[in-house]
């Protein structure tokens, strides 16, 4: 079964850190660009970071720059999103997505992604 599974979310205090994981089953992530998106209640889905298939480029949204870091370990078929200095406004469901036709110029948009995970909840208390 082809699927993406996010993990690592939870309830943390403001200023804390989390590392989210996006693992694939049924296919290998090597050839896929990966994006991390989040959606807070009542808000549109927002792209926060993306990485090309072999990590040649990464992008981080301006709104989270300096606090979010994306990385990938193709040997483990997993992509990570490290989040530091968490703020209450980071509270959202975080999704990862994979696509073969993901381009640097649009990777923070939900364009070209073929597979999506079910999301992991991140809640930041003040």
PDB file of N, CA and C in Angstrom:
ATOM      1  N   UNK A   1       0.841  -1.191   0.000  1.00  0.00           N
ATOM      2  CA  UNK A   1       0.000   0.000   0.000  1.00  0.00           C
ATOM      3  C   UNK A   1       0.878   1.243   0.000  1.00  0.00           C
ATOM      4  N   UNK A   2       0.601   2.149  -0.912  1.00  0.00           N
ATOM      5  CA  UNK A   2       1.374   3.370  -1.022  1.00  0.00           C
ATOM      6  C   UNK A   2       0.826   4.408  -0.054  1.00  0.00           C
ATOM      7  N   UNK A   3       1.678   4.891   0.813  1.00  0.00           N
ATOM      8  CA  UNK A   3       1.217   5.918   1.724  1.00  0.00           C
ATOM      9  C   UNK A   3       2.380   6.689   2.331  1.00  0.00           C
ATOM     10  N   UNK A   4       2.045   7.886   2.791  1.00  0.00           N
ATOM     11  CA  UNK A   4       2.951   8.711   3.570  1.00  0.00           C
ATOM     12  C   UNK A   4       2.393   8.799   4.976  1.00  0.00           C
ATOM     13  N   UNK A   5       3.262   8.705   5.946  1.00  0.00           N
ATOM     14  CA  UNK A   5       2.824   8.766   7.335  1.00  0.00           C
ATOM     15  C   UNK A   5       3.669   9.779   8.080  1.00  0.00           C
ATOM     16  N   UNK A   6       2.992  10.759   8.661  1.00  0.00           N
ATOM     17  CA  UNK A   6       3.681  11.742   9.487  1.00  0.00           C
ATOM     18  C   UNK A   6       3.658  11.285  10.943  1.00  0.00           C
ATOM     19  N   UNK A   7       4.669  11.665  11.667  1.00  0.00           N
ATOM     20  CA  UNK A   7       4.725  11.383  13.104  1.00  0.00           C
ATOM     21  C   UNK A   7       5.573  12.455  13.773  1.00  0.00           C
ATOM     22  N   UNK A   8       5.513  12.475  15.089  1.00  0.00           N
ATOM     23  CA  UNK A   8       6.345  13.388  15.848  1.00  0.00           C
ATOM     24  C   UNK A   8       5.622  14.598  16.403  1.00  0.00           C
ATOM     25  N   UNK A   9       4.365  14.752  16.048  1.00  0.00           N
ATOM     26  CA  UNK A   9       3.607  15.872  16.595  1.00  0.00           C
ATOM     27  C   UNK A   9       3.281  15.660  18.057  1.00  0.00           C
ATOM     28  N   UNK A  10       2.709  16.691  18.655  1.00  0.00           N
ATOM     29  CA  UNK A  10       2.338  16.577  20.057  1.00  0.00           C
ATOM     30  C   UNK A  10       2.060  17.929  20.656  1.00  0.00           C
ATOM     31  N   UNK A  11       1.931  17.936  21.967  1.00  0.00           N
ATOM     32  CA  UNK A  11       1.685  19.158  22.728  1.00  0.00           C
ATOM     33  C   UNK A  11       3.002  19.606  23.353  1.00  0.00           C
ATOM     34  N   UNK A  12       3.406  20.815  23.031  1.00  0.00           N
ATOM     35  CA  UNK A  12       4.656  21.352  23.558  1.00  0.00           C
ATOM     36  C   UNK A  12       4.431  22.770  24.056  1.00  0.00           C
ATOM     37  N   UNK A  13       5.310  23.194  24.936  1.00  0.00           N
ATOM     38  CA  UNK A  13       5.235  24.567  25.421  1.00  0.00           C
ATOM     39  C   UNK A  13       5.909  25.519  24.450  1.00  0.00           C
ATOM     40  N   UNK A  14       5.469  26.736  24.494  1.00  0.00           N
ATOM     41  CA  UNK A  14       6.093  27.769  23.679  1.00  0.00           C
ATOM     42  C   UNK A  14       7.599  27.798  23.948  1.00  0.00           C
ATOM     43  N   UNK A  15       8.367  27.876  22.870  1.00  0.00           N
ATOM     44  CA  UNK A  15       9.816  27.865  22.984  1.00  0.00           C
ATOM     45  C   UNK A  15      10.441  26.500  22.826  1.00  0.00           C
ATOM     46  N   UNK A  16       9.613  25.475  22.834  1.00  0.00           N
ATOM     47  CA  UNK A  16      10.107  24.117  22.707  1.00  0.00           C
ATOM     48  C   UNK A  16      10.426  23.742  21.272  1.00  0.00           C
ATOM     49  N   UNK A  17      10.785  22.483  21.090  1.00  0.00           N
ATOM     50  CA  UNK A  17      11.169  21.974  19.774  1.00  0.00           C
ATOM     51  C   UNK A  17      10.485  20.649  19.487  1.00  0.00           C
ATOM     52  N   UNK A  18      10.332  20.382  18.216  1.00  0.00           N
ATOM     53  CA  UNK A  18       9.811  19.099  17.757  1.00  0.00           C
ATOM     54  C   UNK A  18      10.543  18.708  16.489  1.00  0.00           C
ATOM     55  N   UNK A  19      10.601  17.416  16.251  1.00  0.00           N
ATOM     56  CA  UNK A  19      11.059  16.928  14.960  1.00  0.00           C
ATOM     57  C   UNK A  19       9.964  16.029  14.386  1.00  0.00           C
ATOM     58  N   UNK A  20       9.418  16.501  13.289  1.00  0.00           N
ATOM     59  CA  UNK A  20       8.390  15.727  12.593  1.00  0.00           C
ATOM     60  C   UNK A  20       9.057  14.826  11.562  1.00  0.00           C
ATOM     61  N   UNK A  21       8.479  13.651  11.386  1.00  0.00           N
ATOM     62  CA  UNK A  21       8.980  12.706  10.399  1.00  0.00           C
ATOM     63  C   UNK A  21       7.902  12.407   9.375  1.00  0.00           C
ATOM     64  N   UNK A  22       8.334  12.188   8.175  1.00  0.00           N
ATOM     65  CA  UNK A  22       7.444  11.803   7.081  1.00  0.00           C
ATOM     66  C   UNK A  22       8.042  10.552   6.458  1.00  0.00           C
ATOM     67  N   UNK A  23       7.403   9.439   6.669  1.00  0.00           N
ATOM     68  CA  UNK A  23       7.920   8.168   6.182  1.00  0.00           C
ATOM     69  C   UNK A  23       7.020   7.627   5.082  1.00  0.00           C
ATOM     70  N   UNK A  24       7.647   7.000   4.107  1.00  0.00           N
ATOM     71  CA  UNK A  24       6.905   6.447   2.979  1.00  0.00           C
ATOM     72  C   UNK A  24       6.879   4.930   3.054  1.00  0.00           C
ATOM     73  N   UNK A  25       5.780   4.377   2.645  1.00  0.00           N
ATOM     74  CA  UNK A  25       5.699   2.927   2.482  1.00  0.00           C
ATOM     75  C   UNK A  25       5.073   2.640   1.124  1.00  0.00           C
ATOM     76  N   UNK A  26       5.536   1.574   0.516  1.00  0.00           N
ATOM     77  CA  UNK A  26       5.007   1.199  -0.780  1.00  0.00           C
ATOM     78  C   UNK A  26       5.704   1.879  -1.943  1.00  0.00           C
ATOM     79  N   UNK A  27       6.579   2.831  -1.657  1.00  0.00           N
ATOM     80  CA  UNK A  27       7.371   3.474  -2.697  1.00  0.00           C
ATOM     81  C   UNK A  27       8.578   4.127  -2.047  1.00  0.00           C
ATOM     82  N   UNK A  28       9.577   4.440  -2.852  1.00  0.00           N
ATOM     83  CA  UNK A  28      10.770   5.082  -2.310  1.00  0.00           C
ATOM     84  C   UNK A  28      10.725   6.570  -2.617  1.00  0.00           C
ATOM     85  N   UNK A  29      11.223   7.343  -1.675  1.00  0.00           N
ATOM     86  CA  UNK A  29      11.150   8.796  -1.795  1.00  0.00           C
ATOM     87  C   UNK A  29      12.269   9.403  -2.626  1.00  0.00           C
ATOM     88  N   UNK A  30      13.233   8.594  -3.048  1.00  0.00           N
ATOM     89  CA  UNK A  30      14.418   9.129  -3.712  1.00  0.00           C
ATOM     90  C   UNK A  30      14.094  10.095  -4.840  1.00  0.00           C
ATOM     91  N   UNK A  31      13.121   9.747  -5.654  1.00  0.00           N
ATOM     92  CA  UNK A  31      12.822  10.540  -6.843  1.00  0.00           C
ATOM     93  C   UNK A  31      11.767  11.613  -6.606  1.00  0.00           C
ATOM     94  N   UNK A  32      11.393  11.818  -5.360  1.00  0.00           N
ATOM     95  CA  UNK A  32      10.283  12.714  -5.072  1.00  0.00           C
ATOM     96  C   UNK A  32      10.735  13.967  -4.331  1.00  0.00           C
ATOM     97  N   UNK A  33      10.220  15.095  -4.786  1.00  0.00           N
ATOM     98  CA  UNK A  33      10.313  16.281  -3.965  1.00  0.00           C
ATOM     99  C   UNK A  33       9.294  16.177  -2.839  1.00  0.00           C
ATOM    100  N   UNK A  34       9.653  16.706  -1.683  1.00  0.00           N
ATOM    101  CA  UNK A  34       8.792  16.611  -0.504  1.00  0.00           C
ATOM    102  C   UNK A  34       8.475  18.004   0.017  1.00  0.00           C
ATOM    103  N   UNK A  35       7.239  18.196   0.338  1.00  0.00           N
ATOM    104  CA  UNK A  35       6.818  19.450   0.943  1.00  0.00           C
ATOM    105  C   UNK A  35       6.162  19.206   2.291  1.00  0.00           C
ATOM    106  N   UNK A  36       6.375  20.145   3.172  1.00  0.00           N
ATOM    107  CA  UNK A  36       5.653  20.154   4.447  1.00  0.00           C
ATOM    108  C   UNK A  36       4.671  21.323   4.422  1.00  0.00           C
ATOM    109  N   UNK A  37       3.453  21.029   4.777  1.00  0.00           N
ATOM    110  CA  UNK A  37       2.390  22.027   4.807  1.00  0.00           C
ATOM    111  C   UNK A  37       1.730  21.973   6.182  1.00  0.00           C
ATOM    112  N   UNK A  38       1.055  23.032   6.519  1.00  0.00           N
ATOM    113  CA  UNK A  38       0.307  23.016   7.767  1.00  0.00           C
ATOM    114  C   UNK A  38      -1.019  23.722   7.568  1.00  0.00           C
ATOM    115  N   UNK A  39      -1.972  23.340   8.384  1.00  0.00           N
ATOM    116  CA  UNK A  39      -3.282  23.964   8.320  1.00  0.00           C
ATOM    117  C   UNK A  39      -3.820  24.138   9.725  1.00  0.00           C
ATOM    118  N   UNK A  40      -4.027  25.380  10.082  1.00  0.00           N
ATOM    119  CA  UNK A  40      -4.617  25.712  11.370  1.00  0.00           C
ATOM    120  C   UNK A  40      -6.132  25.830  11.201  1.00  0.00           C
ATOM    121  N   UNK A  41      -6.884  25.658  12.278  1.00  0.00           N
ATOM    122  CA  UNK A  41      -8.345  25.754  12.181  1.00  0.00           C
ATOM    123  C   UNK A  41      -8.780  27.086  11.580  1.00  0.00           C
ATOM    124  N   UNK A  42      -9.629  27.009  10.587  1.00  0.00           N
ATOM    125  CA  UNK A  42     -10.160  28.208   9.972  1.00  0.00           C
ATOM    126  C   UNK A  42      -9.223  28.899   9.013  1.00  0.00           C
ATOM    127  N   UNK A  43      -8.056  28.299   8.765  1.00  0.00           N
ATOM    128  CA  UNK A  43      -7.080  28.921   7.864  1.00  0.00           C
ATOM    129  C   UNK A  43      -6.784  28.012   6.685  1.00  0.00           C
ATOM    130  N   UNK A  44      -6.250  28.605   5.642  1.00  0.00           N
ATOM    131  CA  UNK A  44      -5.878  27.824   4.473  1.00  0.00           C
ATOM    132  C   UNK A  44      -4.593  27.049   4.731  1.00  0.00           C
ATOM    133  N   UNK A  45      -4.428  25.989   3.962  1.00  0.00           N
ATOM    134  CA  UNK A  45      -3.206  25.209   4.072  1.00  0.00           C
ATOM    135  C   UNK A  45      -2.027  26.063   3.604  1.00  0.00           C
ATOM    136  N   UNK A  46      -0.952  26.009   4.367  1.00  0.00           N
ATOM    137  CA  UNK A  46       0.223  26.854   4.123  1.00  0.00           C
ATOM    138  C   UNK A  46       1.449  25.979   3.935  1.00  0.00           C
ATOM    139  N   UNK A  47       2.185  26.213   2.888  1.00  0.00           N
ATOM    140  CA  UNK A  47       3.449  25.518   2.699  1.00  0.00           C
ATOM    141  C   UNK A  47       4.506  26.120   3.598  1.00  0.00           C
ATOM    142  N   UNK A  48       5.218  25.289   4.361  1.00  0.00           N
ATOM    143  CA  UNK A  48       6.238  25.823   5.266  1.00  0.00           C
ATOM    144  C   UNK A  48       7.661  25.472   4.838  1.00  0.00           C
ATOM    145  N   UNK A  49       7.822  24.340   4.152  1.00  0.00           N
ATOM    146  CA  UNK A  49       9.167  23.990   3.722  1.00  0.00           C
ATOM    147  C   UNK A  49       9.094  22.892   2.664  1.00  0.00           C
ATOM    148  N   UNK A  50      10.145  22.811   1.857  1.00  0.00           N
ATOM    149  CA  UNK A  50      10.181  21.792   0.816  1.00  0.00           C
ATOM    150  C   UNK A  50      11.636  21.455   0.513  1.00  0.00           C
ATOM    151  N   UNK A  51      11.825  20.274  -0.046  1.00  0.00           N
ATOM    152  CA  UNK A  51      13.166  19.809  -0.371  1.00  0.00           C
ATOM    153  C   UNK A  51      13.103  19.012  -1.649  1.00  0.00           C
ATOM    154  N   UNK A  52      14.107  19.176  -2.492  1.00  0.00           N
ATOM    155  CA  UNK A  52      14.116  18.451  -3.762  1.00  0.00           C
ATOM    156  C   UNK A  52      14.470  16.987  -3.524  1.00  0.00           C
ATOM    157  N   UNK A  53      14.373  16.217  -4.597  1.00  0.00           N
ATOM    158  CA  UNK A  53      14.507  14.766  -4.478  1.00  0.00           C
ATOM    159  C   UNK A  53      15.826  14.320  -3.859  1.00  0.00           C
ATOM    160  N   UNK A  54      16.907  14.982  -4.171  1.00  0.00           N
ATOM    161  CA  UNK A  54      18.189  14.612  -3.587  1.00  0.00           C
ATOM    162  C   UNK A  54      18.778  15.725  -2.733  1.00  0.00           C
ATOM    163  N   UNK A  55      17.902  16.595  -2.293  1.00  0.00           N
ATOM    164  CA  UNK A  55      18.325  17.617  -1.347  1.00  0.00           C
ATOM    165  C   UNK A  55      19.137  18.744  -1.951  1.00  0.00           C
ATOM    166  N   UNK A  56      19.074  18.885  -3.286  1.00  0.00           N
ATOM    167  CA  UNK A  56      19.885  19.933  -3.907  1.00  0.00           C
ATOM    168  C   UNK A  56      19.376  21.319  -3.538  1.00  0.00           C
ATOM    169  N   UNK A  57      18.093  21.427  -3.284  1.00  0.00           N
ATOM    170  CA  UNK A  57      17.582  22.702  -2.800  1.00  0.00           C
ATOM    171  C   UNK A  57      16.576  22.451  -1.684  1.00  0.00           C
ATOM    172  N   UNK A  58      16.499  23.432  -0.823  1.00  0.00           N
ATOM    173  CA  UNK A  58      15.450  23.479   0.186  1.00  0.00           C
ATOM    174  C   UNK A  58      14.883  24.887   0.210  1.00  0.00           C
ATOM    175  N   UNK A  59      13.640  24.980   0.568  1.00  0.00           N
ATOM    176  CA  UNK A  59      13.009  26.286   0.739  1.00  0.00           C
ATOM    177  C   UNK A  59      12.251  26.284   2.053  1.00  0.00           C
ATOM    178  N   UNK A  60      12.251  27.422   2.692  1.00  0.00           N
ATOM    179  CA  UNK A  60      11.512  27.600   3.930  1.00  0.00           C
ATOM    180  C   UNK A  60      10.689  28.868   3.794  1.00  0.00           C
ATOM    181  N   UNK A  61       9.454  28.810   4.177  1.00  0.00           N
ATOM    182  CA  UNK A  61       8.593  29.985   4.095  1.00  0.00           C
ATOM    183  C   UNK A  61       9.133  31.107   4.973  1.00  0.00           C
ATOM    184  N   UNK A  62       8.962  32.316   4.511  1.00  0.00           N
ATOM    185  CA  UNK A  62       9.462  33.477   5.271  1.00  0.00           C
ATOM    186  C   UNK A  62       8.876  33.513   6.672  1.00  0.00           C
ATOM    187  N   UNK A  63       7.651  33.046   6.809  1.00  0.00           N
ATOM    188  CA  UNK A  63       6.972  33.125   8.098  1.00  0.00           C
ATOM    189  C   UNK A  63       7.625  32.251   9.167  1.00  0.00           C
ATOM    190  N   UNK A  64       8.414  31.266   8.744  1.00  0.00           N
ATOM    191  CA  UNK A  64       9.036  30.349   9.711  1.00  0.00           C
ATOM    192  C   UNK A  64      10.547  30.263   9.545  1.00  0.00           C
ATOM    193  N   UNK A  65      11.084  31.102   8.697  1.00  0.00           N
ATOM    194  CA  UNK A  65      12.514  31.048   8.417  1.00  0.00           C
ATOM    195  C   UNK A  65      13.321  31.268   9.691  1.00  0.00           C
ATOM    196  N   UNK A  66      14.356  30.489   9.830  1.00  0.00           N
ATOM    197  CA  UNK A  66      15.197  30.572  11.010  1.00  0.00           C
ATOM    198  C   UNK A  66      14.784  29.634  12.122  1.00  0.00           C
ATOM    199  N   UNK A  67      13.575  29.072  12.011  1.00  0.00           N
ATOM    200  CA  UNK A  67      13.094  28.159  13.052  1.00  0.00           C
ATOM    201  C   UNK A  67      12.809  26.759  12.515  1.00  0.00           C
ATOM    202  N   UNK A  68      12.517  26.650  11.223  1.00  0.00           N
ATOM    203  CA  UNK A  68      12.173  25.365  10.618  1.00  0.00           C
ATOM    204  C   UNK A  68      13.334  24.911   9.732  1.00  0.00           C
ATOM    205  N   UNK A  69      13.654  23.635   9.833  1.00  0.00           N
ATOM    206  CA  UNK A  69      14.702  23.052   9.001  1.00  0.00           C
ATOM    207  C   UNK A  69      14.210  21.738   8.432  1.00  0.00           C
ATOM    208  N   UNK A  70      14.328  21.596   7.126  1.00  0.00           N
ATOM    209  CA  UNK A  70      13.919  20.361   6.472  1.00  0.00           C
ATOM    210  C   UNK A  70      15.156  19.573   6.082  1.00  0.00           C
ATOM    211  N   UNK A  71      15.051  18.269   6.167  1.00  0.00           N
ATOM    212  CA  UNK A  71      16.153  17.409   5.752  1.00  0.00           C
ATOM    213  C   UNK A  71      15.562  16.064   5.330  1.00  0.00           C
ATOM    214  N   UNK A  72      16.387  15.285   4.665  1.00  0.00           N
ATOM    215  CA  UNK A  72      15.904  13.975   4.239  1.00  0.00           C
ATOM    216  C   UNK A  72      16.994  12.937   4.398  1.00  0.00           C
ATOM    217  N   UNK A  73      16.571  11.719   4.657  1.00  0.00           N
ATOM    218  CA  UNK A  73      17.469  10.578   4.730  1.00  0.00           C
ATOM    219  C   UNK A  73      16.876   9.522   3.798  1.00  0.00           C
ATOM    220  N   UNK A  74      17.339   9.524   2.571  1.00  0.00           N
ATOM    221  CA  UNK A  74      16.772   8.604   1.584  1.00  0.00           C
ATOM    222  C   UNK A  74      17.005   7.147   1.959  1.00  0.00           C
ATOM    223  N   UNK A  75      18.065   6.875   2.690  1.00  0.00           N
ATOM    224  CA  UNK A  75      18.326   5.499   3.122  1.00  0.00           C
ATOM    225  C   UNK A  75      17.232   5.005   4.067  1.00  0.00           C
ATOM    226  N   UNK A  76      16.645   5.946   4.821  1.00  0.00           N
ATOM    227  CA  UNK A  76      15.561   5.583   5.743  1.00  0.00           C
ATOM    228  C   UNK A  76      14.191   5.889   5.148  1.00  0.00           C
ATOM    229  N   UNK A  77      14.216   6.374   3.891  1.00  0.00           N
ATOM    230  CA  UNK A  77      12.949   6.687   3.226  1.00  0.00           C
ATOM    231  C   UNK A  77      12.106   7.658   4.043  1.00  0.00           C
ATOM    232  N   UNK A  78      12.782   8.649   4.609  1.00  0.00           N
ATOM    233  CA  UNK A  78      12.131   9.561   5.542  1.00  0.00           C
ATOM    234  C   UNK A  78      12.614  10.985   5.324  1.00  0.00           C
ATOM    235  N   UNK A  79      11.692  11.914   5.486  1.00  0.00           N
ATOM    236  CA  UNK A  79      12.006  13.338   5.454  1.00  0.00           C
ATOM    237  C   UNK A  79      11.621  13.911   6.813  1.00  0.00           C
ATOM    238  N   UNK A  80      12.416  14.845   7.283  1.00  0.00           N
ATOM    239  CA  UNK A  80      12.209  15.422   8.608  1.00  0.00           C
ATOM    240  C   UNK A  80      11.922  16.914   8.516  1.00  0.00           C
ATOM    241  N   UNK A  81      11.202  17.390   9.497  1.00  0.00           N
ATOM    242  CA  UNK A  81      11.016  18.823   9.673  1.00  0.00           C
ATOM    243  C   UNK A  81      11.305  19.134  11.134  1.00  0.00           C
ATOM    244  N   UNK A  82      12.400  19.806  11.356  1.00  0.00           N
ATOM    245  CA  UNK A  82      12.762  20.199  12.715  1.00  0.00           C
ATOM    246  C   UNK A  82      12.223  21.596  12.974  1.00  0.00           C
ATOM    247  N   UNK A  83      11.527  21.735  14.076  1.00  0.00           N
ATOM    248  CA  UNK A  83      10.901  23.011  14.419  1.00  0.00           C
ATOM    249  C   UNK A  83      11.431  23.451  15.775  1.00  0.00           C
ATOM    250  N   UNK A  84      12.031  24.605  15.797  1.00  0.00           N
ATOM    251  CA  UNK A  84      12.568  25.152  17.038  1.00  0.00           C
ATOM    252  C   UNK A  84      11.820  26.424  17.418  1.00  0.00           C
ATOM    253  N   UNK A  85      12.007  26.828  18.660  1.00  0.00           N
ATOM    254  CA  UNK A  85      11.388  28.059  19.161  1.00  0.00           C
ATOM    255  C   UNK A  85       9.903  28.106  18.808  1.00  0.00           C
ATOM    256  N   UNK A  86       9.208  27.045  19.124  1.00  0.00           N
ATOM    257  CA  UNK A  86       7.799  26.942  18.772  1.00  0.00           C
ATOM    258  C   UNK A  86       6.991  28.067  19.387  1.00  0.00           C
ATOM    259  N   UNK A  87       6.017  28.533  18.622  1.00  0.00           N
ATOM    260  CA  UNK A  87       5.119  29.595  19.041  1.00  0.00           C
ATOM    261  C   UNK A  87       3.679  29.087  18.999  1.00  0.00           C
ATOM    262  N   UNK A  88       2.804  29.681  19.772  1.00  0.00           N
ATOM    263  CA  UNK A  88       1.396  29.249  19.720  1.00  0.00           C
ATOM    264  C   UNK A  88       0.814  29.304  18.305  1.00  0.00           C
ATOM    265  N   UNK A  89       1.272  30.240  17.491  1.00  0.00           N
ATOM    266  CA  UNK A  89       0.751  30.343  16.125  1.00  0.00           C
ATOM    267  C   UNK A  89       1.248  29.229  15.215  1.00  0.00           C
ATOM    268  N   UNK A  90       2.147  28.391  15.702  1.00  0.00           N
ATOM    269  CA  UNK A  90       2.560  27.207  14.948  1.00  0.00           C
ATOM    270  C   UNK A  90       1.575  26.060  15.122  1.00  0.00           C
ATOM    271  N   UNK A  91       0.617  26.224  15.997  1.00  0.00           N
ATOM    272  CA  UNK A  91      -0.382  25.186  16.215  1.00  0.00           C
ATOM    273  C   UNK A  91      -1.147  24.915  14.924  1.00  0.00           C
ATOM    274  N   UNK A  92      -1.126  23.665  14.496  1.00  0.00           N
ATOM    275  CA  UNK A  92      -1.753  23.281  13.231  1.00  0.00           C
ATOM    276  C   UNK A  92      -1.592  21.781  13.042  1.00  0.00           C
ATOM    277  N   UNK A  93      -2.275  21.273  12.041  1.00  0.00           N
ATOM    278  CA  UNK A  93      -1.998  19.924  11.560  1.00  0.00           C
ATOM    279  C   UNK A  93      -0.936  20.052  10.479  1.00  0.00           C
ATOM    280  N   UNK A  94       0.110  19.275  10.615  1.00  0.00           N
ATOM    281  CA  UNK A  94       1.223  19.320   9.673  1.00  0.00           C
ATOM    282  C   UNK A  94       1.150  18.102   8.750  1.00  0.00           C
ATOM    283  N   UNK A  95       1.243  18.392   7.461  1.00  0.00           N
ATOM    284  CA  UNK A  95       1.152  17.359   6.440  1.00  0.00           C
ATOM    285  C   UNK A  95       2.435  17.323   5.627  1.00  0.00           C
ATOM    286  N   UNK A  96       2.812  16.136   5.196  1.00  0.00           N
ATOM    287  CA  UNK A  96       3.868  16.049   4.200  1.00  0.00           C
ATOM    288  C   UNK A  96       3.248  15.561   2.894  1.00  0.00           C
ATOM    289  N   UNK A  97       3.902  15.904   1.813  1.00  0.00           N
ATOM    290  CA  UNK A  97       3.421  15.547   0.488  1.00  0.00           C
ATOM    291  C   UNK A  97       4.611  15.211  -0.394  1.00  0.00           C
ATOM    292  N   UNK A  98       4.405  14.317  -1.338  1.00  0.00           N
ATOM    293  CA  UNK A  98       5.479  13.879  -2.230  1.00  0.00           C
ATOM    294  C   UNK A  98       5.034  14.009  -3.674  1.00  0.00           C
ATOM    295  N   UNK A  99       5.939  14.456  -4.519  1.00  0.00           N
ATOM    296  CA  UNK A  99       5.625  14.567  -5.928  1.00  0.00           C
ATOM    297  C   UNK A  99       6.873  14.489  -6.768  1.00  0.00           C
ATOM    298  N   UNK A 100       6.733  13.941  -7.964  1.00  0.00           N
ATOM    299  CA  UNK A 100       7.879  13.847  -8.880  1.00  0.00           C
ATOM    300  C   UNK A 100       8.043  15.108  -9.704  1.00  0.00           C
ATOM    301  N   UNK A 101       6.976  15.855  -9.872  1.00  0.00           N
ATOM    302  CA  UNK A 101       7.057  17.071 -10.657  1.00  0.00           C
ATOM    303  C   UNK A 101       6.872  18.277  -9.748  1.00  0.00           C
ATOM    304  N   UNK A 102       7.803  18.381  -8.816  1.00  0.00           N
ATOM    305  CA  UNK A 102       7.803  19.517  -7.889  1.00  0.00           C
ATOM    306  C   UNK A 102       8.976  20.399  -8.257  1.00  0.00           C
ATOM    307  N   UNK A 103       8.715  21.673  -8.437  1.00  0.00           N
ATOM    308  CA  UNK A 103       9.742  22.596  -8.881  1.00  0.00           C
ATOM    309  C   UNK A 103      10.067  23.600  -7.786  1.00  0.00           C
ATOM    310  N   UNK A 104      11.296  24.051  -7.803  1.00  0.00           N
ATOM    311  CA  UNK A 104      11.770  24.958  -6.764  1.00  0.00           C
ATOM    312  C   UNK A 104      10.888  26.199  -6.656  1.00  0.00           C
ATOM    313  N   UNK A 105      10.437  26.692  -7.790  1.00  0.00           N
ATOM    314  CA  UNK A 105       9.683  27.955  -7.795  1.00  0.00           C
ATOM    315  C   UNK A 105       8.298  27.818  -7.189  1.00  0.00           C
ATOM    316  N   UNK A 106       7.787  26.602  -7.108  1.00  0.00           N
ATOM    317  CA  UNK A 106       6.407  26.423  -6.631  1.00  0.00           C
ATOM    318  C   UNK A 106       6.283  25.379  -5.535  1.00  0.00           C
ATOM    319  N   UNK A 107       7.392  24.947  -4.980  1.00  0.00           N
ATOM    320  CA  UNK A 107       7.322  23.803  -4.054  1.00  0.00           C
ATOM    321  C   UNK A 107       6.611  24.125  -2.743  1.00  0.00           C
ATOM    322  N   UNK A 108       6.428  25.396  -2.420  1.00  0.00           N
ATOM    323  CA  UNK A 108       5.668  25.756  -1.220  1.00  0.00           C
ATOM    324  C   UNK A 108       4.172  25.877  -1.509  1.00  0.00           C
ATOM    325  N   UNK A 109       3.800  25.608  -2.725  1.00  0.00           N
ATOM    326  CA  UNK A 109       2.393  25.561  -3.100  1.00  0.00           C
ATOM    327  C   UNK A 109       1.987  24.100  -3.284  1.00  0.00           C
ATOM    328  N   UNK A 110       0.708  23.810  -3.066  1.00  0.00           N
ATOM    329  CA  UNK A 110       0.263  22.411  -3.217  1.00  0.00           C
ATOM    330  C   UNK A 110       0.106  22.026  -4.683  1.00  0.00           C
ATOM    331  N   UNK A 111       1.190  22.198  -5.442  1.00  0.00           N
ATOM    332  CA  UNK A 111       1.185  21.934  -6.884  1.00  0.00           C
ATOM    333  C   UNK A 111       2.183  20.834  -7.176  1.00  0.00           C
ATOM    334  N   UNK A 112       1.729  19.816  -7.909  1.00  0.00           N
ATOM    335  CA  UNK A 112       2.648  18.765  -8.331  1.00  0.00           C
ATOM    336  C   UNK A 112       2.844  17.656  -7.332  1.00  0.00           C
ATOM    337  N   UNK A 113       2.165  17.717  -6.210  1.00  0.00           N
ATOM    338  CA  UNK A 113       2.300  16.670  -5.198  1.00  0.00           C
ATOM    339  C   UNK A 113       1.263  15.579  -5.447  1.00  0.00           C
ATOM    340  N   UNK A 114       1.751  14.362  -5.498  1.00  0.00           N
ATOM    341  CA  UNK A 114       0.867  13.255  -5.825  1.00  0.00           C
ATOM    342  C   UNK A 114       0.353  12.530  -4.587  1.00  0.00           C
ATOM    343  N   UNK A 115       1.206  12.426  -3.585  1.00  0.00           N
ATOM    344  CA  UNK A 115       0.821  11.709  -2.367  1.00  0.00           C
ATOM    345  C   UNK A 115       0.799  12.681  -1.189  1.00  0.00           C
ATOM    346  N   UNK A 116      -0.172  12.498  -0.336  1.00  0.00           N
ATOM    347  CA  UNK A 116      -0.302  13.316   0.875  1.00  0.00           C
ATOM    348  C   UNK A 116      -0.484  12.387   2.066  1.00  0.00           C
ATOM    349  N   UNK A 117       0.107  12.778   3.189  1.00  0.00           N
ATOM    350  CA  UNK A 117      -0.123  12.040   4.424  1.00  0.00           C
ATOM    351  C   UNK A 117      -1.395  12.518   5.103  1.00  0.00           C
ATOM    352  N   UNK A 118      -1.708  11.885   6.212  1.00  0.00           N
ATOM    353  CA  UNK A 118      -2.926  12.205   6.952  1.00  0.00           C
ATOM    354  C   UNK A 118      -2.715  13.333   7.963  1.00  0.00           C
ATOM    355  N   UNK A 119      -1.487  13.674   8.204  1.00  0.00           N
ATOM    356  CA  UNK A 119      -1.204  14.798   9.090  1.00  0.00           C
ATOM    357  C   UNK A 119      -0.881  14.385  10.517  1.00  0.00           C
ATOM    358  N   UNK A 120      -0.138  15.247  11.178  1.00  0.00           N
ATOM    359  CA  UNK A 120       0.163  15.076  12.597  1.00  0.00           C
ATOM    360  C   UNK A 120      -0.098  16.406  13.296  1.00  0.00           C
ATOM    361  N   UNK A 121      -0.757  16.336  14.429  1.00  0.00           N
ATOM    362  CA  UNK A 121      -1.161  17.559  15.127  1.00  0.00           C
ATOM    363  C   UNK A 121      -0.006  18.101  15.957  1.00  0.00           C
ATOM    364  N   UNK A 122       0.230  19.383  15.802  1.00  0.00           N
ATOM    365  CA  UNK A 122       1.184  20.096  16.652  1.00  0.00           C
ATOM    366  C   UNK A 122       0.408  21.165  17.404  1.00  0.00           C
ATOM    367  N   UNK A 123       0.498  21.132  18.713  1.00  0.00           N
ATOM    368  CA  UNK A 123      -0.181  22.107  19.549  1.00  0.00           C
ATOM    369  C   UNK A 123       0.843  22.752  20.469  1.00  0.00           C
ATOM    370  N   UNK A 124       0.902  24.065  20.418  1.00  0.00           N
ATOM    371  CA  UNK A 124       1.866  24.811  21.211  1.00  0.00           C
ATOM    372  C   UNK A 124       1.118  25.629  22.248  1.00  0.00           C
ATOM    373  N   UNK A 125       1.431  25.393  23.495  1.00  0.00           N
ATOM    374  CA  UNK A 125       0.774  26.129  24.568  1.00  0.00           C
ATOM    375  C   UNK A 125       1.624  27.334  24.965  1.00  0.00           C
ATOM    376  N   UNK A 126       0.944  28.382  25.347  1.00  0.00           N
ATOM    377  CA  UNK A 126       1.662  29.622  25.713  1.00  0.00           C
ATOM    378  C   UNK A 126       2.044  29.622  27.186  1.00  0.00           C
TER     379      UNK A 126
END
